[in-house]
Amino acid sequence: MAVRQGLPAFSHNGRPGAFRAWLRTILVRQARLFWRSRERQAEAAPDWLDQLEDPASELSRQWEQEHNQQLVRRLLGVIQGDFKADVWEAFRLLVLEDLPAAEVARRCGKSENAVYVIKSRVLARLRQELGDLVES
């Protein structure tokens, strides 16, 4: 509800991650309001709120990393259908499973060069789909 109410006033500053930072600020603000409403229970607001509010904290870095990983997982699902099953399998083994190119080539019955070409093609398609959503 807070996001919906605040969205008309949101103004993107042009920097990558500005919208995520705005969402994180709303989360922290709403969590603080929640904890203040529970003060009669004599509980202090949790430490993670301060950490999440600080963009340089480990928790904020983890927030960004998890966001980026989730975005890439979803987009991989979107683009998977653009490739034949054997091509996707080679990409999955090389990039997602981090197997050596020689092993992937052996398993997939392709040359190492073909495996690297597949990697390049799939990553190019992923970059195309990502556009400006993720910081470089």
C-alpha atoms as a PDB file:
ATOM      1  CA  MET A   1       0.000   0.000   0.000  1.00  0.00           C
ATOM      2  CA  ALA A   2       2.838   2.398   0.850  1.00  0.00           C
ATOM      3  CA  VAL A   3       4.476   1.761  -2.516  1.00  0.00           C
ATOM      4  CA  ARG A   4       1.225   2.359  -4.370  1.00  0.00           C
ATOM      5  CA  GLN A   5       0.629   5.601  -2.484  1.00  0.00           C
ATOM      6  CA  GLY A   6       4.189   6.861  -2.932  1.00  0.00           C
ATOM      7  CA  LEU A   7       4.650   5.859  -6.558  1.00  0.00           C
ATOM      8  CA  PRO A   8       3.088   8.992  -8.118  1.00  0.00           C
ATOM      9  CA  ALA A   9       5.612  11.133  -6.207  1.00  0.00           C
ATOM     10  CA  PHE A  10       8.617   8.960  -7.135  1.00  0.00           C
ATOM     11  CA  SER A  11      11.086  10.739  -9.381  1.00  0.00           C
ATOM     12  CA  HIS A  12      13.898   8.668 -10.838  1.00  0.00           C
ATOM     13  CA  ASN A  13      17.254  10.436 -10.487  1.00  0.00           C
ATOM     14  CA  GLY A  14      18.760   8.618 -13.463  1.00  0.00           C
ATOM     15  CA  ARG A  15      21.191   6.535 -11.429  1.00  0.00           C
ATOM     16  CA  PRO A  16      21.086   2.730 -11.693  1.00  0.00           C
ATOM     17  CA  GLY A  17      19.335   1.157  -8.732  1.00  0.00           C
ATOM     18  CA  ALA A  18      17.410   4.310  -7.768  1.00  0.00           C
ATOM     19  CA  PHE A  19      14.044   2.552  -7.791  1.00  0.00           C
ATOM     20  CA  ARG A  20      15.344  -0.344  -5.673  1.00  0.00           C
ATOM     21  CA  ALA A  21      16.831   2.154  -3.207  1.00  0.00           C
ATOM     22  CA  TRP A  22      13.468   3.911  -3.024  1.00  0.00           C
ATOM     23  CA  LEU A  23      11.729   0.578  -2.351  1.00  0.00           C
ATOM     24  CA  ARG A  24      14.278  -0.245   0.354  1.00  0.00           C
ATOM     25  CA  THR A  25      13.613   3.138   1.983  1.00  0.00           C
ATOM     26  CA  ILE A  26       9.879   2.429   2.024  1.00  0.00           C
ATOM     27  CA  LEU A  27      10.512  -0.996   3.540  1.00  0.00           C
ATOM     28  CA  VAL A  28      12.645   0.478   6.315  1.00  0.00           C
ATOM     29  CA  ARG A  29      10.128   3.261   6.999  1.00  0.00           C
ATOM     30  CA  GLN A  30       7.203   0.825   7.185  1.00  0.00           C
ATOM     31  CA  ALA A  31       9.146  -1.597   9.393  1.00  0.00           C
ATOM     32  CA  ARG A  32      10.036   1.258  11.774  1.00  0.00           C
ATOM     33  CA  LEU A  33       6.367   2.280  11.960  1.00  0.00           C
ATOM     34  CA  PHE A  34       5.461  -1.307  12.741  1.00  0.00           C
ATOM     35  CA  TRP A  35       8.045  -1.540  15.517  1.00  0.00           C
ATOM     36  CA  ARG A  36       6.956   1.808  17.009  1.00  0.00           C
ATOM     37  CA  SER A  37       3.394   0.504  17.180  1.00  0.00           C
ATOM     38  CA  ARG A  38       4.712  -2.417  19.251  1.00  0.00           C
ATOM     39  CA  GLU A  39       6.597  -0.230  21.779  1.00  0.00           C
ATOM     40  CA  ARG A  40       4.217  -1.190  24.524  1.00  0.00           C
ATOM     41  CA  GLN A  41       5.831  -4.612  24.340  1.00  0.00           C
ATOM     42  CA  ALA A  42       9.199  -3.007  25.225  1.00  0.00           C
ATOM     43  CA  GLU A  43      10.963  -4.376  22.171  1.00  0.00           C
ATOM     44  CA  ALA A  44      13.564  -2.302  20.378  1.00  0.00           C
ATOM     45  CA  ALA A  45      13.558  -2.122  16.608  1.00  0.00           C
ATOM     46  CA  PRO A  46      15.845  -4.810  15.192  1.00  0.00           C
ATOM     47  CA  ASP A  47      19.430  -4.004  14.141  1.00  0.00           C
ATOM     48  CA  TRP A  48      18.748  -5.044  10.580  1.00  0.00           C
ATOM     49  CA  LEU A  49      16.674  -1.903  10.008  1.00  0.00           C
ATOM     50  CA  ASP A  50      19.695   0.341  10.536  1.00  0.00           C
ATOM     51  CA  GLN A  51      21.818  -1.964   8.397  1.00  0.00           C
ATOM     52  CA  LEU A  52      19.272  -2.027   5.587  1.00  0.00           C
ATOM     53  CA  GLU A  53      18.950   1.753   5.684  1.00  0.00           C
ATOM     54  CA  ASP A  54      22.721   2.146   5.180  1.00  0.00           C
ATOM     55  CA  PRO A  55      23.498   1.583   1.473  1.00  0.00           C
ATOM     56  CA  ALA A  56      27.103   0.656   2.342  1.00  0.00           C
ATOM     57  CA  SER A  57      26.170  -2.066   4.839  1.00  0.00           C
ATOM     58  CA  GLU A  58      26.640  -5.762   4.201  1.00  0.00           C
ATOM     59  CA  LEU A  59      22.874  -6.283   4.426  1.00  0.00           C
ATOM     60  CA  SER A  60      22.237  -3.664   1.729  1.00  0.00           C
ATOM     61  CA  ARG A  61      24.856  -5.262  -0.502  1.00  0.00           C
ATOM     62  CA  GLN A  62      23.176  -8.625   0.074  1.00  0.00           C
ATOM     63  CA  TRP A  63      19.793  -7.033  -0.793  1.00  0.00           C
ATOM     64  CA  GLU A  64      21.224  -5.825  -4.125  1.00  0.00           C
ATOM     65  CA  GLN A  65      22.944  -9.139  -4.857  1.00  0.00           C
ATOM     66  CA  GLU A  66      19.796 -11.168  -4.167  1.00  0.00           C
ATOM     67  CA  HIS A  67      17.744  -8.800  -6.314  1.00  0.00           C
ATOM     68  CA  ASN A  68      20.157  -9.182  -9.217  1.00  0.00           C
ATOM     69  CA  GLN A  69      20.266 -12.971  -8.852  1.00  0.00           C
ATOM     70  CA  GLN A  70      16.472 -13.201  -8.821  1.00  0.00           C
ATOM     71  CA  LEU A  71      16.233 -10.968 -11.881  1.00  0.00           C
ATOM     72  CA  VAL A  72      18.762 -13.064 -13.801  1.00  0.00           C
ATOM     73  CA  ARG A  73      17.003 -16.333 -12.801  1.00  0.00           C
ATOM     74  CA  ARG A  74      13.681 -15.016 -14.083  1.00  0.00           C
ATOM     75  CA  LEU A  75      15.172 -13.711 -17.307  1.00  0.00           C
ATOM     76  CA  LEU A  76      17.014 -16.977 -17.917  1.00  0.00           C
ATOM     77  CA  GLY A  77      13.620 -18.660 -17.724  1.00  0.00           C
ATOM     78  CA  VAL A  78      12.261 -16.170 -20.244  1.00  0.00           C
ATOM     79  CA  ILE A  79      15.040 -16.660 -22.805  1.00  0.00           C
ATOM     80  CA  GLN A  80      15.517 -20.412 -22.403  1.00  0.00           C
ATOM     81  CA  GLY A  81      12.822 -21.080 -24.995  1.00  0.00           C
ATOM     82  CA  ASP A  82      14.819 -19.092 -27.568  1.00  0.00           C
ATOM     83  CA  PHE A  83      17.444 -21.857 -27.718  1.00  0.00           C
ATOM     84  CA  LYS A  84      17.455 -25.526 -28.656  1.00  0.00           C
ATOM     85  CA  ALA A  85      17.683 -27.966 -25.749  1.00  0.00           C
ATOM     86  CA  ASP A  86      21.271 -29.037 -26.534  1.00  0.00           C
ATOM     87  CA  VAL A  87      22.425 -25.418 -26.751  1.00  0.00           C
ATOM     88  CA  TRP A  88      20.768 -24.564 -23.438  1.00  0.00           C
ATOM     89  CA  GLU A  89      22.290 -27.636 -21.804  1.00  0.00           C
ATOM     90  CA  ALA A  90      25.787 -26.608 -22.905  1.00  0.00           C
ATOM     91  CA  PHE A  91      25.212 -23.082 -21.577  1.00  0.00           C
ATOM     92  CA  ARG A  92      23.793 -24.406 -18.299  1.00  0.00           C
ATOM     93  CA  LEU A  93      26.733 -26.720 -17.709  1.00  0.00           C
ATOM     94  CA  LEU A  94      29.355 -24.127 -18.620  1.00  0.00           C
ATOM     95  CA  VAL A  95      27.930 -21.018 -16.980  1.00  0.00           C
ATOM     96  CA  LEU A  96      25.461 -22.098 -14.337  1.00  0.00           C
ATOM     97  CA  GLU A  97      27.180 -25.302 -13.233  1.00  0.00           C
ATOM     98  CA  ASP A  98      30.667 -23.837 -13.828  1.00  0.00           C
ATOM     99  CA  LEU A  99      32.050 -26.964 -15.469  1.00  0.00           C
ATOM    100  CA  PRO A 100      35.230 -26.683 -17.551  1.00  0.00           C
ATOM    101  CA  ALA A 101      34.633 -26.092 -21.261  1.00  0.00           C
ATOM    102  CA  ALA A 102      36.403 -29.351 -22.151  1.00  0.00           C
ATOM    103  CA  GLU A 103      34.021 -31.322 -19.921  1.00  0.00           C
ATOM    104  CA  VAL A 104      30.965 -29.538 -21.322  1.00  0.00           C
ATOM    105  CA  ALA A 105      32.167 -30.171 -24.869  1.00  0.00           C
ATOM    106  CA  ARG A 106      32.669 -33.866 -24.093  1.00  0.00           C
ATOM    107  CA  ARG A 107      29.244 -34.235 -22.454  1.00  0.00           C
ATOM    108  CA  CYS A 108      27.409 -32.346 -25.188  1.00  0.00           C
ATOM    109  CA  GLY A 109      29.300 -33.769 -28.155  1.00  0.00           C
ATOM    110  CA  LYS A 110      30.510 -30.356 -29.291  1.00  0.00           C
ATOM    111  CA  SER A 111      33.879 -28.700 -29.731  1.00  0.00           C
ATOM    112  CA  GLU A 112      35.202 -26.391 -27.016  1.00  0.00           C
ATOM    113  CA  ASN A 113      34.956 -23.536 -29.494  1.00  0.00           C
ATOM    114  CA  ALA A 114      31.274 -24.325 -30.091  1.00  0.00           C
ATOM    115  CA  VAL A 115      30.694 -24.304 -26.324  1.00  0.00           C
ATOM    116  CA  TYR A 116      32.241 -20.824 -26.048  1.00  0.00           C
ATOM    117  CA  VAL A 117      30.167 -19.600 -29.002  1.00  0.00           C
ATOM    118  CA  ILE A 118      27.035 -20.905 -27.279  1.00  0.00           C
ATOM    119  CA  LYS A 119      28.005 -19.109 -24.082  1.00  0.00           C
ATOM    120  CA  SER A 120      28.522 -15.878 -25.998  1.00  0.00           C
ATOM    121  CA  ARG A 121      25.192 -16.148 -27.857  1.00  0.00           C
ATOM    122  CA  VAL A 122      23.152 -16.887 -24.737  1.00  0.00           C
ATOM    123  CA  LEU A 123      24.842 -14.147 -22.697  1.00  0.00           C
ATOM    124  CA  ALA A 124      24.275 -11.656 -25.526  1.00  0.00           C
ATOM    125  CA  ARG A 125      20.587 -12.579 -25.535  1.00  0.00           C
ATOM    126  CA  LEU A 126      20.468 -12.225 -21.744  1.00  0.00           C
ATOM    127  CA  ARG A 127      22.105  -8.785 -21.931  1.00  0.00           C
ATOM    128  CA  GLN A 128      19.567  -7.778 -24.559  1.00  0.00           C
ATOM    129  CA  GLU A 129      16.717  -8.832 -22.285  1.00  0.00           C
ATOM    130  CA  LEU A 130      18.240  -7.166 -19.233  1.00  0.00           C
ATOM    131  CA  GLY A 131      18.675  -3.800 -20.890  1.00  0.00           C
ATOM    132  CA  ASP A 132      19.293  -1.216 -18.195  1.00  0.00           C
ATOM    133  CA  LEU A 133      17.683  -3.185 -15.371  1.00  0.00           C
ATOM    134  CA  VAL A 134      20.915  -4.298 -13.701  1.00  0.00           C
ATOM    135  CA  GLU A 135      23.972  -2.203 -12.999  1.00  0.00           C
ATOM    136  CA  SER A 136      27.143  -3.241 -14.822  1.00  0.00           C
END
